[in-house]
Amino acid sequence: MHRPLVRAPRLLHELAVSRGDGSYARLLARLAKLDLLALDDWVLAQLTDAERRDLLEVIEDRSERRSTLIASQLPSTAWHAAIGEPSVAD
């Protein structure tokens, strides 16, 4: 992943594929090294358990180290419901 702007659904797909082909840890490491990761189309649909875990990994790896920009048409007040798991949403 060389682009710092990615649509969240596409990122979630790439993470799922990487789990299957054994490149998951490498993809997480690349995402963690980006100075800025811009996620567009954030939580447009209810997330699955696997998607929630993947996003948590990405966000946690970047937390307090790198910048992450989140863009969504969904109001931030609706994010908890769309993420679906309060402890992960927090």
Protein backbone atom coordinates (compact mmCIF):
# COMPACT_ATOMS: atom_id res chain seq x y z
CA MET A 1 0.00 0.00 0.00
CA HIS A 2 1.74 3.11 -1.24
CA ARG A 3 -1.15 5.53 -1.13
CA PRO A 4 -1.95 7.35 2.09
CA LEU A 5 -5.62 7.87 1.08
CA VAL A 6 -7.73 4.74 0.99
CA ARG A 7 -11.42 4.02 1.07
CA ALA A 8 -12.19 2.14 4.28
CA PRO A 9 -14.14 -0.64 2.49
CA ARG A 10 -11.18 -1.26 0.19
CA LEU A 11 -8.77 -1.31 3.14
CA LEU A 12 -11.00 -3.80 4.95
CA HIS A 13 -10.97 -6.00 1.84
CA GLU A 14 -7.17 -5.77 1.57
CA LEU A 15 -6.82 -6.72 5.24
CA ALA A 16 -9.11 -9.74 4.79
CA VAL A 17 -7.17 -10.91 1.73
CA SER A 18 -3.86 -10.41 3.53
CA ARG A 19 -5.04 -12.63 6.40
CA GLY A 20 -5.70 -15.35 3.84
CA ASP A 21 -2.43 -15.06 1.93
CA GLY A 22 -0.14 -14.65 4.94
CA SER A 23 0.79 -10.99 4.38
CA TYR A 24 -1.35 -9.55 7.21
CA ALA A 25 1.57 -8.62 9.49
CA ARG A 26 3.43 -6.96 6.60
CA LEU A 27 0.36 -4.94 5.61
CA LEU A 28 -0.16 -3.80 9.21
CA ALA A 29 3.51 -2.81 9.42
CA ARG A 30 3.26 -0.77 6.19
CA LEU A 31 0.13 0.99 7.42
CA ALA A 32 1.78 1.75 10.75
CA LYS A 33 4.70 3.48 9.00
CA LEU A 34 2.64 5.93 6.92
CA ASP A 35 2.99 9.46 8.29
CA LEU A 36 -0.68 10.08 7.44
CA LEU A 37 -3.33 7.48 6.73
CA ALA A 38 -6.57 8.99 5.42
CA LEU A 39 -9.56 6.66 5.60
CA ASP A 40 -12.45 7.73 3.41
CA ASP A 41 -16.00 6.32 3.48
CA TRP A 42 -15.59 5.33 7.14
CA VAL A 43 -18.21 2.85 8.44
CA LEU A 44 -20.75 3.28 5.67
CA ALA A 45 -22.06 -0.18 6.55
CA GLN A 46 -22.23 -2.19 9.78
CA LEU A 47 -18.84 -3.80 10.47
CA THR A 48 -18.30 -7.52 10.94
CA ASP A 49 -16.34 -8.86 13.91
CA ALA A 50 -13.27 -9.43 11.70
CA GLU A 51 -13.49 -5.90 10.26
CA ARG A 52 -13.74 -4.40 13.75
CA ARG A 53 -10.66 -6.33 14.87
CA ASP A 54 -8.74 -5.29 11.74
CA LEU A 55 -9.57 -1.61 12.17
CA LEU A 56 -8.66 -1.80 15.84
CA GLU A 57 -5.25 -3.24 14.91
CA VAL A 58 -4.63 -0.48 12.36
CA ILE A 59 -5.72 2.32 14.70
CA GLU A 60 -3.87 0.91 17.72
CA ASP A 61 -0.63 0.49 15.73
CA ARG A 62 -0.83 4.15 14.72
CA SER A 63 -2.11 5.59 18.01
CA GLU A 64 0.10 8.36 19.39
CA ARG A 65 2.71 7.61 16.70
CA ARG A 66 1.26 8.67 13.34
CA SER A 67 -1.68 10.72 12.08
CA THR A 68 -4.92 9.13 10.93
CA LEU A 69 -7.63 11.15 9.21
CA ILE A 70 -11.14 9.71 9.07
CA ALA A 71 -13.73 11.00 6.60
CA SER A 72 -17.32 9.79 6.53
CA GLN A 73 -20.75 10.82 5.37
CA LEU A 74 -22.04 9.17 8.56
CA PRO A 75 -22.25 11.61 11.49
CA SER A 76 -19.74 10.79 14.23
CA THR A 77 -22.66 10.40 16.66
CA ALA A 78 -23.68 7.28 14.68
CA TRP A 79 -20.22 5.66 14.63
CA HIS A 80 -20.73 3.59 17.79
CA ALA A 81 -23.81 1.93 16.32
CA ALA A 82 -22.13 1.33 12.95
CA ILE A 83 -19.01 -0.13 14.54
CA GLY A 84 -21.27 -2.36 16.61
CA GLU A 85 -19.04 -3.08 19.61
CA PRO A 86 -18.87 -0.32 22.24
CA SER A 87 -15.45 -1.27 23.62
CA VAL A 88 -13.92 -1.23 20.12
CA ALA A 89 -15.80 1.94 19.15
CA ASP A 90 -14.44 3.79 22.17
